[in-house]
């Protein structure tokens, strides 16, 4: 994945730097749901993580960069699917993984904060685009054994109903809801394939 312009990686192979980075992200995950995005200041985070603010700025020059990492480097919940040849099964497993990921309070709060700030903050706008690109590329990698690769629009039509249910409706995403979304999405893919074949 191409790195956002606002994001810096720690020195590769330096375990001390990686430990510091992991500790800061763990503390940020703990604090973010408690204090909200506005309350997660670098002063508070530095104090709680026992690092300097300079260290924070070295890793995350902007708050959007920190929120970006909180979304993409969320805790490993053991739910991310394996690549597979059954498109429906991969899509179902991926949506369940998405549901699990956004159920983590810090990931949910960070994702909503980046989205809310994207209209007026260029760093947040870039972070939001990069999150989408990362998830899209990752999903297509899961589909490689099937020989199917989907467009960005087709990807949006898969995850859109789940995010709408969670963030707009403030409702539950049940397994039955995911099954219905995937069934409708597969039907749309089949119709699109039939139209392409007819042309």
Protein backbone atom coordinates (compact mmCIF):
# COMPACT_ATOMS: atom_id res chain seq x y z
CA UNK A 1 0.00 0.00 0.00
CA UNK A 2 1.24 3.48 -0.85
CA UNK A 3 1.84 5.39 2.40
CA UNK A 4 -0.03 8.64 3.00
CA UNK A 5 2.12 11.73 2.75
CA UNK A 6 1.40 12.60 6.37
CA UNK A 7 2.45 9.23 7.80
CA UNK A 8 5.97 8.25 8.79
CA UNK A 9 7.15 4.78 9.56
CA UNK A 10 9.52 4.08 12.44
CA UNK A 11 13.02 2.94 11.64
CA UNK A 12 12.62 -0.58 10.21
CA UNK A 13 14.11 -3.29 12.37
CA UNK A 14 14.41 -1.10 15.47
CA UNK A 15 12.54 -3.01 18.19
CA UNK A 16 12.75 -0.15 20.69
CA UNK A 17 11.04 2.24 18.29
CA UNK A 18 8.38 -0.35 17.47
CA UNK A 19 7.73 -1.01 21.17
CA UNK A 20 7.27 2.72 21.78
CA UNK A 21 4.93 2.99 18.82
CA UNK A 22 2.87 -0.01 19.97
CA UNK A 23 2.65 1.36 23.53
CA UNK A 24 1.46 4.77 22.31
CA UNK A 25 -1.19 3.19 20.08
CA UNK A 26 -2.38 0.99 22.96
CA UNK A 27 -2.71 4.01 25.25
CA UNK A 28 -4.46 5.98 22.50
CA UNK A 29 -6.93 3.10 21.99
CA UNK A 30 -7.69 3.18 25.70
CA UNK A 31 -8.06 6.97 25.91
CA UNK A 32 -9.93 7.75 22.70
CA UNK A 33 -13.32 6.29 23.69
CA UNK A 34 -13.05 8.00 27.09
CA UNK A 35 -12.04 11.51 26.02
CA UNK A 36 -13.16 11.64 22.38
CA UNK A 37 -11.11 12.87 19.42
CA UNK A 38 -10.89 16.47 20.68
CA UNK A 39 -9.77 15.34 24.13
CA UNK A 40 -7.03 13.08 22.79
CA UNK A 41 -4.36 15.77 22.85
CA UNK A 42 -0.70 15.04 22.30
CA UNK A 43 -0.02 16.45 25.78
CA UNK A 44 -2.37 13.91 27.39
CA UNK A 45 -1.20 11.06 25.20
CA UNK A 46 2.48 11.83 25.88
CA UNK A 47 1.85 11.93 29.62
CA UNK A 48 -0.11 8.67 29.72
CA UNK A 49 2.22 6.81 27.32
CA UNK A 50 5.28 8.20 29.12
CA UNK A 51 6.88 9.62 25.99
CA UNK A 52 7.67 13.14 24.84
CA UNK A 53 5.43 15.10 22.52
CA UNK A 54 8.40 15.21 20.15
CA UNK A 55 8.25 11.41 19.96
CA UNK A 56 4.56 11.58 19.06
CA UNK A 57 5.16 14.15 16.33
CA UNK A 58 8.02 12.07 14.95
CA UNK A 59 5.64 9.12 14.43
CA UNK A 60 2.44 11.06 13.74
CA UNK A 61 3.06 14.59 12.45
CA UNK A 62 -0.71 15.20 12.40
CA UNK A 63 -3.67 13.97 14.44
CA UNK A 64 -5.08 12.51 11.21
CA UNK A 65 -1.98 10.31 10.96
CA UNK A 66 -2.56 9.01 14.49
CA UNK A 67 -6.25 8.34 13.80
CA UNK A 68 -5.29 6.64 10.53
CA UNK A 69 -3.05 4.22 12.41
CA UNK A 70 -5.71 3.61 15.05
CA UNK A 71 -8.06 2.49 12.27
CA UNK A 72 -5.61 0.45 10.21
CA UNK A 73 -3.59 -0.97 13.07
CA UNK A 74 -6.49 -1.90 15.29
CA UNK A 75 -6.13 -4.87 17.60
CA UNK A 76 -5.95 -8.29 15.95
CA UNK A 77 -9.36 -9.77 16.69
CA UNK A 78 -8.58 -12.98 14.84
CA UNK A 79 -11.50 -12.38 12.49
CA UNK A 80 -9.77 -11.32 9.27
CA UNK A 81 -10.66 -13.87 6.58
CA UNK A 82 -8.35 -16.00 4.49
CA UNK A 83 -8.28 -15.76 0.70
CA UNK A 84 -10.78 -18.10 -0.94
CA UNK A 85 -12.35 -19.20 -4.18
CA UNK A 86 -15.98 -18.75 -3.02
CA UNK A 87 -16.74 -15.06 -3.55
CA UNK A 88 -19.84 -15.15 -1.35
CA UNK A 89 -18.03 -16.83 1.53
CA UNK A 90 -15.13 -14.35 1.31
CA UNK A 91 -17.54 -11.39 1.23
CA UNK A 92 -19.48 -12.74 4.21
CA UNK A 93 -16.33 -13.34 6.25
CA UNK A 94 -14.96 -9.90 5.32
CA UNK A 95 -18.15 -8.13 6.39
CA UNK A 96 -18.12 -10.01 9.70
CA UNK A 97 -14.51 -8.91 10.15
CA UNK A 98 -15.53 -5.31 9.38
CA UNK A 99 -18.31 -5.55 11.95
CA UNK A 100 -15.86 -6.86 14.56
CA UNK A 101 -13.32 -4.14 13.76
CA UNK A 102 -15.72 -1.23 14.11
CA UNK A 103 -17.08 -2.73 17.32
CA UNK A 104 -13.74 -1.80 18.94
CA UNK A 105 -14.56 1.59 20.50
CA UNK A 106 -11.25 3.26 19.55
CA UNK A 107 -11.42 2.08 15.94
CA UNK A 108 -15.03 3.22 15.65
CA UNK A 109 -14.29 6.63 17.18
CA UNK A 110 -11.16 7.14 15.07
CA UNK A 111 -12.97 6.22 11.84
CA UNK A 112 -15.85 8.58 12.60
CA UNK A 113 -13.43 11.38 13.58
CA UNK A 114 -11.43 11.07 10.34
CA UNK A 115 -14.68 11.08 8.36
CA UNK A 116 -16.06 14.10 10.21
CA UNK A 117 -12.88 16.12 9.71
CA UNK A 118 -12.30 15.19 6.06
CA UNK A 119 -14.32 18.10 4.64
CA UNK A 120 -12.14 20.76 6.26
CA UNK A 121 -8.83 19.01 7.01
CA UNK A 122 -6.71 17.87 4.05
CA UNK A 123 -4.75 15.38 6.19
CA UNK A 124 -7.98 13.73 7.31
CA UNK A 125 -9.26 13.68 3.73
CA UNK A 126 -6.07 11.93 2.58
CA UNK A 127 -6.25 9.52 5.52
CA UNK A 128 -9.84 8.62 4.67
CA UNK A 129 -8.94 7.97 1.03
CA UNK A 130 -5.98 5.82 2.08
CA UNK A 131 -8.12 3.78 4.49
CA UNK A 132 -10.54 3.07 1.65
CA UNK A 133 -7.72 2.18 -0.74
CA UNK A 134 -6.17 -0.16 1.81
CA UNK A 135 -9.45 -1.97 2.48
CA UNK A 136 -10.29 -2.21 -1.24
CA UNK A 137 -6.89 -3.64 -2.18
CA UNK A 138 -7.03 -6.04 0.76
CA UNK A 139 -10.45 -7.33 -0.25
CA UNK A 140 -9.34 -7.94 -3.84
CA UNK A 141 -6.32 -9.87 -2.50
CA UNK A 142 -8.76 -12.11 -0.62
CA UNK A 143 -10.60 -12.75 -3.89
CA UNK A 144 -7.50 -13.68 -5.94
CA UNK A 145 -8.06 -17.48 -5.65
CA UNK A 146 -11.54 -17.00 -7.15
CA UNK A 147 -10.18 -15.19 -10.20
CA UNK A 148 -12.62 -12.35 -9.49
CA UNK A 149 -11.54 -8.75 -8.97
CA UNK A 150 -14.17 -6.14 -8.18
CA UNK A 151 -14.34 -2.45 -9.01
CA UNK A 152 -14.32 0.30 -6.40
CA UNK A 153 -18.03 0.86 -7.00
CA UNK A 154 -18.76 -2.84 -6.43
CA UNK A 155 -16.72 -2.72 -3.23
CA UNK A 156 -18.66 0.30 -1.98
CA UNK A 157 -21.93 -1.50 -2.70
CA UNK A 158 -20.75 -4.37 -0.49
CA UNK A 159 -19.67 -2.48 2.64
CA UNK A 160 -21.98 0.53 2.29
CA UNK A 161 -25.11 -1.09 3.76
CA UNK A 162 -23.16 -2.36 6.79
CA UNK A 163 -21.67 1.05 7.59
CA UNK A 164 -25.04 2.72 6.99
CA UNK A 165 -26.70 0.32 9.44
CA UNK A 166 -23.99 0.89 12.06
CA UNK A 167 -23.35 4.62 11.78
CA UNK A 168 -26.52 6.14 10.35
CA UNK A 169 -29.25 3.80 11.59
CA UNK A 170 -27.31 3.08 14.81
CA UNK A 171 -28.63 -0.46 14.47
CA UNK A 172 -27.26 -3.96 14.87
CA UNK A 173 -25.54 -5.76 12.04
CA UNK A 174 -26.69 -9.34 12.51
CA UNK A 175 -25.46 -12.38 10.63
CA UNK A 176 -28.83 -12.43 8.85
CA UNK A 177 -28.33 -8.82 7.75
CA UNK A 178 -24.85 -9.65 6.41
CA UNK A 179 -26.24 -12.69 4.58
CA UNK A 180 -28.92 -10.50 2.95
CA UNK A 181 -26.34 -7.87 1.93
CA UNK A 182 -24.07 -10.50 0.39
CA UNK A 183 -26.95 -12.20 -1.46
CA UNK A 184 -28.06 -8.88 -2.96
CA UNK A 185 -24.45 -7.95 -3.79
CA UNK A 186 -23.79 -11.29 -5.54
CA UNK A 187 -26.98 -10.82 -7.55
CA UNK A 188 -25.76 -7.37 -8.61
CA UNK A 189 -22.37 -8.83 -9.62
CA UNK A 190 -24.09 -11.51 -11.73
CA UNK A 191 -26.26 -8.90 -13.49
CA UNK A 192 -23.19 -6.73 -14.18
CA UNK A 193 -21.33 -9.75 -15.61
CA UNK A 194 -24.31 -10.61 -17.82
CA UNK A 195 -24.46 -7.04 -19.13
CA UNK A 196 -20.73 -7.05 -19.91
CA UNK A 197 -21.04 -10.40 -21.71
CA UNK A 198 -23.98 -9.09 -23.77
CA UNK A 199 -21.99 -6.10 -25.04
